[in-house]
Amino acid sequence: MEMVYHNEDREYGNIPDASVRHVESKICSDDDRKWLLQSLMLRLVSKT
């Protein structure tokens, strides 16, 4: 499953590409994917 991020996220350095790919490669279940997306979103929202 490919995760897509907005350009703003890359510009602000909220989501480093390399570490996202590293983490994503270790994720096996949909539940883990949902948790990762939720935690990323919570971090992005808390910065605004």
Protein backbone atom coordinates (compact mmCIF):
# COMPACT_ATOMS: atom_id res chain seq x y z
CA MET A 1 0.00 0.00 0.00
CA GLU A 2 1.42 3.35 -1.04
CA MET A 3 1.03 6.26 1.36
CA VAL A 4 0.59 9.69 -0.15
CA TYR A 5 1.49 12.91 1.65
CA HIS A 6 0.89 16.53 0.80
CA ASN A 7 3.80 18.64 -0.43
CA GLU A 8 3.48 20.88 2.65
CA ASP A 9 4.33 17.92 4.87
CA ARG A 10 7.56 17.33 2.98
CA GLU A 11 8.46 21.02 3.01
CA TYR A 12 8.03 21.30 6.77
CA GLY A 13 9.91 18.06 7.33
CA ASN A 14 7.05 16.46 9.24
CA ILE A 15 7.40 13.25 7.27
CA PRO A 16 10.93 12.18 6.32
CA ASP A 17 10.62 9.98 3.23
CA ALA A 18 13.32 7.49 4.19
CA SER A 19 11.98 6.73 7.67
CA VAL A 20 8.42 6.45 6.37
CA ARG A 21 9.52 3.88 3.81
CA HIS A 22 11.50 2.04 6.49
CA VAL A 23 8.52 1.90 8.85
CA GLU A 24 6.07 1.09 6.06
CA SER A 25 8.17 -1.88 4.96
CA LYS A 26 7.78 -3.41 8.44
CA ILE A 27 4.01 -2.94 8.62
CA CYS A 28 2.07 -6.12 7.93
CA SER A 29 -1.52 -5.58 9.06
CA ASP A 30 -4.15 -2.99 8.17
CA ASP A 31 -4.59 -2.21 11.87
CA ASP A 32 -0.93 -1.22 12.10
CA ARG A 33 -1.32 0.95 9.01
CA LYS A 34 -4.35 2.69 10.51
CA TRP A 35 -2.49 3.29 13.76
CA LEU A 36 0.49 4.75 11.90
CA LEU A 37 -1.70 7.06 9.82
CA GLN A 38 -3.60 8.19 12.92
CA SER A 39 -0.41 8.92 14.85
CA LEU A 40 1.04 10.86 11.90
CA MET A 41 -2.16 12.88 11.54
CA LEU A 42 -2.28 13.63 15.27
CA ARG A 43 1.30 14.90 15.12
CA LEU A 44 0.53 17.10 12.12
CA VAL A 45 -2.62 18.52 13.71
CA SER A 46 -0.89 19.23 17.02
CA LYS A 47 1.71 21.37 15.23
CA THR A 48 -0.84 23.81 13.82
